[in-house]
Amino acid sequence: MTDKPFKTLAEQIEILRDRNLTFKDEVTATQYLAAHGYYEIINGYKTPFLDIDGENFKEGTTFEDIFALYYFDSKVRTAVMSSLEFVESFLKQKLAYLLAEKHGENYNQYISKSVFDAGNVLHRKIPEKQLFTDRDLLFSKFHQICYKKYDPFKHYKQNHQNTPPWILVKGMDFGTLRTAIFLLNRKDKKILLNRVFNPNVVSYLTDSQLNNLFSELILIINKYRNRAAHGGRMYNYFPDKGFTFNNLLHSSNGISKTSLSKSKKHSSSLFILLHAIRLLQPNFGHITLEIGLNTALKSYSSKWESQIAFVLSEMEFPSSYIYDDKN
């Protein structure tokens, strides 16, 4: 028998009452549990409200307190997804323009071994499909995009017998885009990075530092994007991979090298992600993220002002972070 048997909504409410949780509006709380789920609301956001025993809730805690944090986090998640969609579109267009400009719009010209490096040898080679390296797998995904049976891919293949780069990138998921950029030959990749980052960033960092920063950025973007897409808790999420200490990214935003080395701060957070996206050329990504975070914080503080200090601390935002009426 399972140790987590099904519980009716009434039984869920009773369990929460037994754990010292109170309700301002039990009818609405029941509707929220039915619509969003006990696991998502309670298990996902109960921790800040638990007593020292780790099981019962602190005296005076209401269901509405927990749901407010859940709802706040949903707004944060939406802000992350929206902002990273802008960044993804920006990167796709930069890649498409580079490929067309330097190697032409013909698929057979810009999808070649001279444009993309081989990368690593696959752990599981598939000889019958000629899949031996990262590049082989990437080209296979490109081929699948070209033969999608809906427009604009179908239109270009049938009417132009070609898939130009600005159409190809429309079919890439972020993982494929990341691999394509990673495998670009050194000369093209340097040009791309110079066009992706703000000029002051390019002039401040060495080629090696710039390449490292970009590699870490798209890896971390990928992690945040996947986390958000699967409905994971966002406000205090810290990817298992972070940024190497960088003055532009850390020191200028009040994060010391010592605080990172002693694990007092994570090397990647929403605060750091926000400032990392700011290092890119204009793409609306950082504006969308900042506005979304500020809106979520302002809305949350309207009724739960006492929780803001805790939330900012959990997010590793400065306690002095200003979110009200910010442009």
C-alpha atoms as a PDB file:
ATOM      1  CA  MET A   1       0.000   0.000   0.000  1.00  0.00           C
ATOM      2  CA  THR A   2       1.131   3.552  -0.708  1.00  0.00           C
ATOM      3  CA  ASP A   3       2.077   5.731   2.255  1.00  0.00           C
ATOM      4  CA  LYS A   4       0.523   8.708   0.429  1.00  0.00           C
ATOM      5  CA  PRO A   5      -3.084   7.617  -0.159  1.00  0.00           C
ATOM      6  CA  PHE A   6      -5.626   9.788  -1.976  1.00  0.00           C
ATOM      7  CA  LYS A   7      -7.361  12.362   0.212  1.00  0.00           C
ATOM      8  CA  THR A   8     -10.585  14.193  -0.583  1.00  0.00           C
ATOM      9  CA  LEU A   9     -10.616  17.991  -0.464  1.00  0.00           C
ATOM     10  CA  ALA A  10     -12.416  17.878   2.889  1.00  0.00           C
ATOM     11  CA  GLU A  11      -9.775  15.511   4.246  1.00  0.00           C
ATOM     12  CA  GLN A  12      -7.001  17.792   2.943  1.00  0.00           C
ATOM     13  CA  ILE A  13      -8.529  20.738   4.807  1.00  0.00           C
ATOM     14  CA  GLU A  14      -8.757  18.657   7.983  1.00  0.00           C
ATOM     15  CA  ILE A  15      -5.119  17.556   7.693  1.00  0.00           C
ATOM     16  CA  LEU A  16      -4.055  21.180   7.430  1.00  0.00           C
ATOM     17  CA  ARG A  17      -6.172  22.158  10.436  1.00  0.00           C
ATOM     18  CA  ASP A  18      -4.545  19.355  12.428  1.00  0.00           C
ATOM     19  CA  ARG A  19      -1.184  20.852  11.524  1.00  0.00           C
ATOM     20  CA  ASN A  20      -2.174  24.217  13.053  1.00  0.00           C
ATOM     21  CA  LEU A  21      -3.106  25.981   9.787  1.00  0.00           C
ATOM     22  CA  THR A  22      -6.085  28.333   9.879  1.00  0.00           C
ATOM     23  CA  PHE A  23      -8.367  29.530   7.098  1.00  0.00           C
ATOM     24  CA  LYS A  24      -9.824  32.974   6.458  1.00  0.00           C
ATOM     25  CA  ASP A  25     -12.123  31.606   3.761  1.00  0.00           C
ATOM     26  CA  GLU A  26     -12.431  27.842   3.725  1.00  0.00           C
ATOM     27  CA  VAL A  27     -14.676  27.755   0.651  1.00  0.00           C
ATOM     28  CA  THR A  28     -12.163  29.698  -1.459  1.00  0.00           C
ATOM     29  CA  ALA A  29      -9.294  27.647  -0.034  1.00  0.00           C
ATOM     30  CA  THR A  30     -11.060  24.469  -1.123  1.00  0.00           C
ATOM     31  CA  GLN A  31     -11.497  25.898  -4.616  1.00  0.00           C
ATOM     32  CA  TYR A  32      -7.792  26.756  -4.766  1.00  0.00           C
ATOM     33  CA  LEU A  33      -6.799  23.266  -3.666  1.00  0.00           C
ATOM     34  CA  ALA A  34      -9.095  21.778  -6.317  1.00  0.00           C
ATOM     35  CA  ALA A  35      -7.744  24.051  -9.035  1.00  0.00           C
ATOM     36  CA  HIS A  36      -4.033  24.021  -8.230  1.00  0.00           C
ATOM     37  CA  GLY A  37      -3.401  20.952  -6.078  1.00  0.00           C
ATOM     38  CA  TYR A  38      -2.367  20.262  -2.500  1.00  0.00           C
ATOM     39  CA  TYR A  39       1.124  19.222  -3.517  1.00  0.00           C
ATOM     40  CA  GLU A  40       1.757  22.338  -5.618  1.00  0.00           C
ATOM     41  CA  ILE A  41       0.529  24.803  -3.001  1.00  0.00           C
ATOM     42  CA  ILE A  42       1.327  23.236   0.344  1.00  0.00           C
ATOM     43  CA  ASN A  43       4.351  21.037  -0.313  1.00  0.00           C
ATOM     44  CA  GLY A  44       5.871  23.604  -2.648  1.00  0.00           C
ATOM     45  CA  TYR A  45       5.587  26.654  -0.377  1.00  0.00           C
ATOM     46  CA  LYS A  46       5.065  25.501   3.231  1.00  0.00           C
ATOM     47  CA  THR A  47       8.699  25.642   4.405  1.00  0.00           C
ATOM     48  CA  PRO A  48       8.869  29.337   5.462  1.00  0.00           C
ATOM     49  CA  PHE A  49       5.734  28.855   7.555  1.00  0.00           C
ATOM     50  CA  LEU A  50       6.664  25.668   9.407  1.00  0.00           C
ATOM     51  CA  ASP A  51       7.338  25.615  13.124  1.00  0.00           C
ATOM     52  CA  ILE A  52      10.623  24.360  14.548  1.00  0.00           C
ATOM     53  CA  ASP A  53       9.358  20.769  14.477  1.00  0.00           C
ATOM     54  CA  GLY A  54       9.210  20.932  10.664  1.00  0.00           C
ATOM     55  CA  GLU A  55       5.720  19.447  10.603  1.00  0.00           C
ATOM     56  CA  ASN A  56       3.232  21.866  12.131  1.00  0.00           C
ATOM     57  CA  PHE A  57       2.678  25.451  11.055  1.00  0.00           C
ATOM     58  CA  LYS A  58       3.705  28.483  13.077  1.00  0.00           C
ATOM     59  CA  GLU A  59       1.025  29.946  15.265  1.00  0.00           C
ATOM     60  CA  GLY A  60      -1.242  32.278  13.277  1.00  0.00           C
ATOM     61  CA  THR A  61      -0.254  30.973   9.846  1.00  0.00           C
ATOM     62  CA  THR A  62      -3.143  30.950   7.393  1.00  0.00           C
ATOM     63  CA  PHE A  63      -3.750  29.031   4.199  1.00  0.00           C
ATOM     64  CA  GLU A  64      -3.917  32.418   2.509  1.00  0.00           C
ATOM     65  CA  ASP A  65      -0.313  33.145   3.612  1.00  0.00           C
ATOM     66  CA  ILE A  66       0.920  30.044   1.794  1.00  0.00           C
ATOM     67  CA  PHE A  67      -1.237  30.602  -1.264  1.00  0.00           C
ATOM     68  CA  ALA A  68       0.001  34.201  -1.553  1.00  0.00           C
ATOM     69  CA  LEU A  69       3.596  32.939  -1.783  1.00  0.00           C
ATOM     70  CA  TYR A  70       2.519  30.325  -4.337  1.00  0.00           C
ATOM     71  CA  TYR A  71       0.773  33.013  -6.401  1.00  0.00           C
ATOM     72  CA  PHE A  72       3.750  35.368  -6.100  1.00  0.00           C
ATOM     73  CA  ASP A  73       6.021  32.629  -7.389  1.00  0.00           C
ATOM     74  CA  SER A  74       3.710  31.978 -10.343  1.00  0.00           C
ATOM     75  CA  LYS A  75       4.169  35.619 -11.354  1.00  0.00           C
ATOM     76  CA  VAL A  76       7.935  35.277 -11.002  1.00  0.00           C
ATOM     77  CA  ARG A  77       7.826  32.165 -13.201  1.00  0.00           C
ATOM     78  CA  THR A  78       5.822  34.005 -15.868  1.00  0.00           C
ATOM     79  CA  ALA A  79       8.334  36.871 -15.802  1.00  0.00           C
ATOM     80  CA  VAL A  80      11.237  34.447 -16.246  1.00  0.00           C
ATOM     81  CA  MET A  81       9.594  32.642 -19.160  1.00  0.00           C
ATOM     82  CA  SER A  82       8.620  35.875 -20.927  1.00  0.00           C
ATOM     83  CA  SER A  83      12.057  37.437 -20.543  1.00  0.00           C
ATOM     84  CA  LEU A  84      13.930  34.343 -21.701  1.00  0.00           C
ATOM     85  CA  GLU A  85      11.692  34.074 -24.766  1.00  0.00           C
ATOM     86  CA  PHE A  86      12.979  37.517 -25.776  1.00  0.00           C
ATOM     87  CA  VAL A  87      16.564  36.435 -25.172  1.00  0.00           C
ATOM     88  CA  GLU A  88      16.043  33.225 -27.142  1.00  0.00           C
ATOM     89  CA  SER A  89      14.552  35.106 -30.094  1.00  0.00           C
ATOM     90  CA  PHE A  90      17.427  37.601 -29.947  1.00  0.00           C
ATOM     91  CA  LEU A  91      20.042  34.835 -30.060  1.00  0.00           C
ATOM     92  CA  LYS A  92      18.267  33.040 -32.902  1.00  0.00           C
ATOM     93  CA  GLN A  93      18.194  36.165 -35.027  1.00  0.00           C
ATOM     94  CA  LYS A  94      21.854  36.939 -34.335  1.00  0.00           C
ATOM     95  CA  LEU A  95      22.798  33.403 -35.376  1.00  0.00           C
ATOM     96  CA  ALA A  96      20.594  33.462 -38.494  1.00  0.00           C
ATOM     97  CA  TYR A  97      21.992  36.798 -39.641  1.00  0.00           C
ATOM     98  CA  LEU A  98      25.580  35.639 -39.151  1.00  0.00           C
ATOM     99  CA  LEU A  99      25.037  32.404 -41.078  1.00  0.00           C
ATOM    100  CA  ALA A 100      23.328  34.174 -43.979  1.00  0.00           C
ATOM    101  CA  GLU A 101      25.856  37.011 -44.095  1.00  0.00           C
ATOM    102  CA  LYS A 102      28.987  34.875 -43.895  1.00  0.00           C
ATOM    103  CA  HIS A 103      27.888  31.669 -45.608  1.00  0.00           C
ATOM    104  CA  GLY A 104      24.846  32.462 -47.737  1.00  0.00           C
ATOM    105  CA  GLU A 105      21.174  31.606 -47.479  1.00  0.00           C
ATOM    106  CA  ASN A 106      21.444  28.197 -49.154  1.00  0.00           C
ATOM    107  CA  TYR A 107      21.046  25.380 -46.618  1.00  0.00           C
ATOM    108  CA  ASN A 108      23.826  23.298 -48.191  1.00  0.00           C
ATOM    109  CA  GLN A 109      26.231  26.209 -47.884  1.00  0.00           C
ATOM    110  CA  TYR A 110      25.730  27.282 -44.295  1.00  0.00           C
ATOM    111  CA  ILE A 111      25.169  23.764 -42.888  1.00  0.00           C
ATOM    112  CA  SER A 112      28.641  22.419 -43.477  1.00  0.00           C
ATOM    113  CA  LYS A 113      31.656  21.047 -41.645  1.00  0.00           C
ATOM    114  CA  SER A 114      33.533  24.275 -42.300  1.00  0.00           C
ATOM    115  CA  VAL A 115      30.918  26.276 -40.374  1.00  0.00           C
ATOM    116  CA  PHE A 116      30.295  23.911 -37.448  1.00  0.00           C
ATOM    117  CA  ASP A 117      32.964  22.003 -35.534  1.00  0.00           C
ATOM    118  CA  ALA A 118      32.546  18.309 -34.770  1.00  0.00           C
ATOM    119  CA  GLY A 119      32.357  18.728 -30.995  1.00  0.00           C
ATOM    120  CA  ASN A 120      32.496  15.606 -28.843  1.00  0.00           C
ATOM    121  CA  VAL A 121      32.171  12.012 -29.942  1.00  0.00           C
ATOM    122  CA  LEU A 122      28.746  10.653 -28.962  1.00  0.00           C
ATOM    123  CA  HIS A 123      28.665   8.177 -26.080  1.00  0.00           C
ATOM    124  CA  ARG A 124      26.175   6.136 -28.072  1.00  0.00           C
ATOM    125  CA  LYS A 125      27.073   6.223 -31.730  1.00  0.00           C
ATOM    126  CA  ILE A 126      24.443   5.193 -34.288  1.00  0.00           C
ATOM    127  CA  PRO A 127      26.414   4.038 -37.361  1.00  0.00           C
ATOM    128  CA  GLU A 128      23.327   3.175 -39.418  1.00  0.00           C
ATOM    129  CA  LYS A 129      22.246   6.827 -39.183  1.00  0.00           C
ATOM    130  CA  GLN A 130      25.777   8.221 -39.515  1.00  0.00           C
ATOM    131  CA  LEU A 131      25.605   9.725 -36.028  1.00  0.00           C
ATOM    132  CA  PHE A 132      29.072   9.795 -34.482  1.00  0.00           C
ATOM    133  CA  THR A 133      29.609  13.321 -33.142  1.00  0.00           C
ATOM    134  CA  ASP A 134      27.716  16.273 -31.674  1.00  0.00           C
ATOM    135  CA  ARG A 135      27.739  17.863 -35.119  1.00  0.00           C
ATOM    136  CA  ASP A 136      26.161  14.788 -36.716  1.00  0.00           C
ATOM    137  CA  LEU A 137      23.359  14.937 -34.175  1.00  0.00           C
ATOM    138  CA  LEU A 138      22.933  18.685 -34.695  1.00  0.00           C
ATOM    139  CA  PHE A 139      22.722  18.311 -38.482  1.00  0.00           C
ATOM    140  CA  SER A 140      20.176  15.532 -38.016  1.00  0.00           C
ATOM    141  CA  LYS A 141      18.007  17.911 -35.981  1.00  0.00           C
ATOM    142  CA  PHE A 142      18.424  20.595 -38.659  1.00  0.00           C
ATOM    143  CA  HIS A 143      17.262  18.100 -41.276  1.00  0.00           C
ATOM    144  CA  GLN A 144      14.185  17.277 -39.197  1.00  0.00           C
ATOM    145  CA  ILE A 145      13.344  20.977 -38.949  1.00  0.00           C
ATOM    146  CA  CYS A 146      13.596  21.425 -42.716  1.00  0.00           C
ATOM    147  CA  TYR A 147      11.082  18.646 -43.323  1.00  0.00           C
ATOM    148  CA  LYS A 148       8.466  19.699 -40.790  1.00  0.00           C
ATOM    149  CA  LYS A 149       5.068  19.295 -42.383  1.00  0.00           C
ATOM    150  CA  TYR A 150       3.734  22.743 -41.564  1.00  0.00           C
ATOM    151  CA  ASP A 151       4.537  26.309 -42.552  1.00  0.00           C
ATOM    152  CA  PRO A 152       6.837  28.114 -42.853  1.00  0.00           C
ATOM    153  CA  PHE A 153       9.080  25.049 -43.202  1.00  0.00           C
ATOM    154  CA  LYS A 154       6.797  23.217 -45.618  1.00  0.00           C
ATOM    155  CA  HIS A 155       6.292  26.352 -47.713  1.00  0.00           C
ATOM    156  CA  TYR A 156      10.013  27.042 -48.142  1.00  0.00           C
ATOM    157  CA  LYS A 157      10.825  23.429 -48.917  1.00  0.00           C
ATOM    158  CA  GLN A 158       8.061  23.066 -51.509  1.00  0.00           C
ATOM    159  CA  ASN A 159       8.254  26.496 -53.128  1.00  0.00           C
ATOM    160  CA  HIS A 160      11.919  27.416 -52.788  1.00  0.00           C
ATOM    161  CA  GLN A 161      13.597  24.009 -52.355  1.00  0.00           C
ATOM    162  CA  ASN A 162      15.568  25.584 -49.557  1.00  0.00           C
ATOM    163  CA  THR A 163      15.456  26.428 -45.858  1.00  0.00           C
ATOM    164  CA  PRO A 164      17.302  29.712 -45.208  1.00  0.00           C
ATOM    165  CA  PRO A 165      18.808  30.290 -41.750  1.00  0.00           C
ATOM    166  CA  TRP A 166      16.121  32.754 -40.659  1.00  0.00           C
ATOM    167  CA  ILE A 167      13.547  29.987 -41.191  1.00  0.00           C
ATOM    168  CA  LEU A 168      15.676  27.198 -39.723  1.00  0.00           C
ATOM    169  CA  VAL A 169      16.108  28.991 -36.398  1.00  0.00           C
ATOM    170  CA  LYS A 170      12.325  29.204 -35.983  1.00  0.00           C
ATOM    171  CA  GLY A 171      12.248  25.437 -35.566  1.00  0.00           C
ATOM    172  CA  MET A 172      15.067  25.215 -33.012  1.00  0.00           C
ATOM    173  CA  ASP A 173      14.379  24.545 -29.363  1.00  0.00           C
ATOM    174  CA  PHE A 174      16.750  26.224 -26.926  1.00  0.00           C
ATOM    175  CA  GLY A 175      18.903  23.119 -26.528  1.00  0.00           C
ATOM    176  CA  THR A 176      19.500  22.913 -30.275  1.00  0.00           C
ATOM    177  CA  LEU A 177      20.227  26.636 -30.443  1.00  0.00           C
ATOM    178  CA  ARG A 178      22.737  26.297 -27.621  1.00  0.00           C
ATOM    179  CA  THR A 179      24.491  23.395 -29.384  1.00  0.00           C
ATOM    180  CA  ALA A 180      24.568  25.267 -32.703  1.00  0.00           C
ATOM    181  CA  ILE A 181      26.252  28.261 -31.094  1.00  0.00           C
ATOM    182  CA  PHE A 182      28.630  26.044 -29.126  1.00  0.00           C
ATOM    183  CA  LEU A 183      29.762  24.242 -32.302  1.00  0.00           C
ATOM    184  CA  LEU A 184      30.260  27.354 -34.433  1.00  0.00           C
ATOM    185  CA  ASN A 185      33.804  27.625 -35.720  1.00  0.00           C
ATOM    186  CA  ARG A 186      36.054  29.928 -33.740  1.00  0.00           C
ATOM    187  CA  LYS A 187      36.021  32.822 -36.218  1.00  0.00           C
ATOM    188  CA  ASP A 188      32.247  32.939 -36.560  1.00  0.00           C
ATOM    189  CA  LYS A 189      31.696  32.505 -32.851  1.00  0.00           C
ATOM    190  CA  LYS A 190      33.922  35.469 -32.066  1.00  0.00           C
ATOM    191  CA  ILE A 191      31.912  37.621 -34.478  1.00  0.00           C
ATOM    192  CA  LEU A 192      28.665  36.398 -32.908  1.00  0.00           C
ATOM    193  CA  LEU A 193      29.781  37.204 -29.357  1.00  0.00           C
ATOM    194  CA  ASN A 194      30.863  40.683 -30.398  1.00  0.00           C
ATOM    195  CA  ARG A 195      27.348  41.220 -31.708  1.00  0.00           C
ATOM    196  CA  VAL A 196      25.576  39.629 -28.759  1.00  0.00           C
ATOM    197  CA  PHE A 197      27.187  41.583 -25.904  1.00  0.00           C
ATOM    198  CA  ASN A 198      27.219  45.308 -25.300  1.00  0.00           C
ATOM    199  CA  PRO A 199      30.368  47.022 -26.666  1.00  0.00           C
ATOM    200  CA  ASN A 200      31.605  47.936 -23.163  1.00  0.00           C
ATOM    201  CA  VAL A 201      31.462  44.256 -22.174  1.00  0.00           C
ATOM    202  CA  VAL A 202      33.365  43.212 -25.294  1.00  0.00           C
ATOM    203  CA  SER A 203      36.068  45.799 -24.658  1.00  0.00           C
ATOM    204  CA  TYR A 204      36.362  44.942 -20.947  1.00  0.00           C
ATOM    205  CA  LEU A 205      36.731  41.164 -21.234  1.00  0.00           C
ATOM    206  CA  THR A 206      39.310  39.053 -23.043  1.00  0.00           C
ATOM    207  CA  ASP A 207      38.113  36.716 -25.799  1.00  0.00           C
ATOM    208  CA  SER A 208      38.472  33.789 -23.396  1.00  0.00           C
ATOM    209  CA  GLN A 209      36.497  35.530 -20.635  1.00  0.00           C
ATOM    210  CA  LEU A 210      33.797  36.566 -23.077  1.00  0.00           C
ATOM    211  CA  ASN A 211      33.458  33.052 -24.433  1.00  0.00           C
ATOM    212  CA  ASN A 212      33.296  31.622 -20.905  1.00  0.00           C
ATOM    213  CA  LEU A 213      30.696  34.162 -19.809  1.00  0.00           C
ATOM    214  CA  PHE A 214      28.516  33.391 -22.813  1.00  0.00           C
ATOM    215  CA  SER A 215      28.814  29.621 -22.398  1.00  0.00           C
ATOM    216  CA  GLU A 216      27.785  29.902 -18.758  1.00  0.00           C
ATOM    217  CA  LEU A 217      24.974  32.313 -19.569  1.00  0.00           C
ATOM    218  CA  ILE A 218      23.255  30.117 -22.144  1.00  0.00           C
ATOM    219  CA  LEU A 219      23.655  27.069 -19.881  1.00  0.00           C
ATOM    220  CA  ILE A 220      22.032  28.905 -16.970  1.00  0.00           C
ATOM    221  CA  ILE A 221      19.306  30.345 -19.215  1.00  0.00           C
ATOM    222  CA  ASN A 222      18.579  26.794 -20.324  1.00  0.00           C
ATOM    223  CA  LYS A 223      18.267  25.654 -16.711  1.00  0.00           C
ATOM    224  CA  TYR A 224      15.943  28.509 -15.736  1.00  0.00           C
ATOM    225  CA  ARG A 225      13.887  27.996 -18.872  1.00  0.00           C
ATOM    226  CA  ASN A 226      13.465  24.277 -18.200  1.00  0.00           C
ATOM    227  CA  ARG A 227      12.640  24.905 -14.542  1.00  0.00           C
ATOM    228  CA  ALA A 228       9.974  27.448 -15.458  1.00  0.00           C
ATOM    229  CA  ALA A 229       8.532  25.321 -18.259  1.00  0.00           C
ATOM    230  CA  HIS A 230       7.988  22.426 -15.834  1.00  0.00           C
ATOM    231  CA  GLY A 231       6.317  24.555 -13.184  1.00  0.00           C
ATOM    232  CA  GLY A 232       9.147  24.417 -10.658  1.00  0.00           C
ATOM    233  CA  ARG A 233       9.446  26.854  -7.761  1.00  0.00           C
ATOM    234  CA  MET A 234      11.313  29.895  -9.074  1.00  0.00           C
ATOM    235  CA  TYR A 235      11.779  32.645  -6.510  1.00  0.00           C
ATOM    236  CA  ASN A 236      14.488  30.811  -4.543  1.00  0.00           C
ATOM    237  CA  TYR A 237      15.779  28.515  -7.284  1.00  0.00           C
ATOM    238  CA  PHE A 238      19.554  28.372  -7.718  1.00  0.00           C
ATOM    239  CA  PRO A 239      20.873  26.240 -10.618  1.00  0.00           C
ATOM    240  CA  ASP A 240      23.544  23.678  -9.818  1.00  0.00           C
ATOM    241  CA  LYS A 241      25.776  25.467 -12.319  1.00  0.00           C
ATOM    242  CA  GLY A 242      26.739  29.094 -11.802  1.00  0.00           C
ATOM    243  CA  PHE A 243      28.831  31.901 -13.188  1.00  0.00           C
ATOM    244  CA  THR A 244      32.573  32.099 -12.709  1.00  0.00           C
ATOM    245  CA  PHE A 245      33.334  35.204 -10.652  1.00  0.00           C
ATOM    246  CA  ASN A 246      33.259  38.232 -12.907  1.00  0.00           C
ATOM    247  CA  ASN A 247      33.649  41.877 -11.865  1.00  0.00           C
ATOM    248  CA  LEU A 248      31.054  43.039 -14.366  1.00  0.00           C
ATOM    249  CA  LEU A 249      28.517  40.555 -13.110  1.00  0.00           C
ATOM    250  CA  HIS A 250      29.283  40.174  -9.415  1.00  0.00           C
ATOM    251  CA  SER A 251      31.365  43.004  -7.927  1.00  0.00           C
ATOM    252  CA  SER A 252      29.392  45.732  -9.693  1.00  0.00           C
ATOM    253  CA  ASN A 253      26.245  44.303  -8.116  1.00  0.00           C
ATOM    254  CA  GLY A 254      27.583  44.003  -4.592  1.00  0.00           C
ATOM    255  CA  ILE A 255      28.575  40.327  -4.675  1.00  0.00           C
ATOM    256  CA  SER A 256      32.141  39.702  -3.520  1.00  0.00           C
ATOM    257  CA  LYS A 257      34.429  36.898  -4.604  1.00  0.00           C
ATOM    258  CA  THR A 258      34.780  35.907  -0.947  1.00  0.00           C
ATOM    259  CA  SER A 259      31.013  35.521  -0.489  1.00  0.00           C
ATOM    260  CA  LEU A 260      30.965  33.130  -3.441  1.00  0.00           C
ATOM    261  CA  SER A 261      34.040  31.142  -2.422  1.00  0.00           C
ATOM    262  CA  LYS A 262      32.670  30.686   1.109  1.00  0.00           C
ATOM    263  CA  SER A 263      29.239  29.735  -0.290  1.00  0.00           C
ATOM    264  CA  LYS A 264      27.530  32.634   1.462  1.00  0.00           C
ATOM    265  CA  LYS A 265      25.989  33.480  -1.903  1.00  0.00           C
ATOM    266  CA  HIS A 266      25.114  31.366  -4.924  1.00  0.00           C
ATOM    267  CA  SER A 267      26.999  32.151  -8.119  1.00  0.00           C
ATOM    268  CA  SER A 268      23.724  32.128 -10.011  1.00  0.00           C
ATOM    269  CA  SER A 269      20.361  33.525  -8.945  1.00  0.00           C
ATOM    270  CA  LEU A 270      17.512  35.518 -10.432  1.00  0.00           C
ATOM    271  CA  PHE A 271      19.332  38.660  -9.322  1.00  0.00           C
ATOM    272  CA  ILE A 272      22.507  37.609 -11.136  1.00  0.00           C
ATOM    273  CA  LEU A 273      20.533  36.378 -14.156  1.00  0.00           C
ATOM    274  CA  LEU A 274      18.849  39.780 -14.406  1.00  0.00           C
ATOM    275  CA  HIS A 275      22.211  41.536 -14.500  1.00  0.00           C
ATOM    276  CA  ALA A 276      23.738  38.955 -16.852  1.00  0.00           C
ATOM    277  CA  ILE A 277      20.992  39.591 -19.403  1.00  0.00           C
ATOM    278  CA  ARG A 278      21.704  43.320 -19.051  1.00  0.00           C
ATOM    279  CA  LEU A 279      25.183  42.674 -20.444  1.00  0.00           C
ATOM    280  CA  LEU A 280      23.638  41.689 -23.785  1.00  0.00           C
ATOM    281  CA  GLN A 281      22.735  44.135 -26.507  1.00  0.00           C
ATOM    282  CA  PRO A 282      19.128  45.435 -26.260  1.00  0.00           C
ATOM    283  CA  ASN A 283      16.562  42.632 -26.614  1.00  0.00           C
ATOM    284  CA  PHE A 284      13.819  43.458 -24.057  1.00  0.00           C
ATOM    285  CA  GLY A 285      14.826  40.429 -21.987  1.00  0.00           C
ATOM    286  CA  HIS A 286      16.133  42.240 -18.914  1.00  0.00           C
ATOM    287  CA  ILE A 287      13.378  44.870 -19.077  1.00  0.00           C
ATOM    288  CA  THR A 288      10.705  42.181 -19.156  1.00  0.00           C
ATOM    289  CA  LEU A 289      12.307  40.296 -16.257  1.00  0.00           C
ATOM    290  CA  GLU A 290      12.772  43.411 -14.131  1.00  0.00           C
ATOM    291  CA  ILE A 291       9.226  44.657 -14.705  1.00  0.00           C
ATOM    292  CA  GLY A 292       7.829  41.186 -14.022  1.00  0.00           C
ATOM    293  CA  LEU A 293       9.795  40.780 -10.782  1.00  0.00           C
ATOM    294  CA  ASN A 294       8.907  44.284  -9.609  1.00  0.00           C
ATOM    295  CA  THR A 295       5.230  43.748 -10.358  1.00  0.00           C
ATOM    296  CA  ALA A 296       5.234  40.443  -8.462  1.00  0.00           C
ATOM    297  CA  LEU A 297       6.997  41.981  -5.449  1.00  0.00           C
ATOM    298  CA  LYS A 298       4.759  45.045  -5.412  1.00  0.00           C
ATOM    299  CA  SER A 299       1.611  42.931  -5.587  1.00  0.00           C
ATOM    300  CA  TYR A 300       2.851  40.597  -2.854  1.00  0.00           C
ATOM    301  CA  SER A 301       3.827  43.471  -0.574  1.00  0.00           C
ATOM    302  CA  SER A 302       0.379  45.067  -0.842  1.00  0.00           C
ATOM    303  CA  LYS A 303      -1.015  42.496   1.631  1.00  0.00           C
ATOM    304  CA  TRP A 304       2.059  40.631   2.869  1.00  0.00           C
ATOM    305  CA  GLU A 305       4.549  43.434   3.482  1.00  0.00           C
ATOM    306  CA  SER A 306       5.953  41.610   6.513  1.00  0.00           C
ATOM    307  CA  GLN A 307       7.124  38.771   4.255  1.00  0.00           C
ATOM    308  CA  ILE A 308       9.063  40.921   1.774  1.00  0.00           C
ATOM    309  CA  ALA A 309      12.329  40.983   3.749  1.00  0.00           C
ATOM    310  CA  PHE A 310      12.236  37.184   3.968  1.00  0.00           C
ATOM    311  CA  VAL A 311      11.413  36.748   0.278  1.00  0.00           C
ATOM    312  CA  LEU A 312      14.195  39.111  -0.837  1.00  0.00           C
ATOM    313  CA  SER A 313      16.620  37.230   1.393  1.00  0.00           C
ATOM    314  CA  GLU A 314      15.505  33.874  -0.015  1.00  0.00           C
ATOM    315  CA  MET A 315      15.954  35.227  -3.552  1.00  0.00           C
ATOM    316  CA  GLU A 316      19.395  36.641  -2.592  1.00  0.00           C
ATOM    317  CA  PHE A 317      18.300  40.102  -3.680  1.00  0.00           C
ATOM    318  CA  PRO A 318      19.720  43.057  -1.724  1.00  0.00           C
ATOM    319  CA  SER A 319      17.498  43.992   1.217  1.00  0.00           C
ATOM    320  CA  SER A 320      17.492  47.523  -0.202  1.00  0.00           C
ATOM    321  CA  TYR A 321      16.166  46.389  -3.588  1.00  0.00           C
ATOM    322  CA  ILE A 322      13.612  48.933  -4.804  1.00  0.00           C
ATOM    323  CA  TYR A 323      10.702  47.414  -6.655  1.00  0.00           C
ATOM    324  CA  ASP A 324       7.950  50.041  -6.278  1.00  0.00           C
ATOM    325  CA  ASP A 325       7.311  52.362  -9.244  1.00  0.00           C
ATOM    326  CA  LYS A 326      10.563  51.321 -10.895  1.00  0.00           C
ATOM    327  CA  ASN A 327      11.093  51.808 -14.642  1.00  0.00           C
END
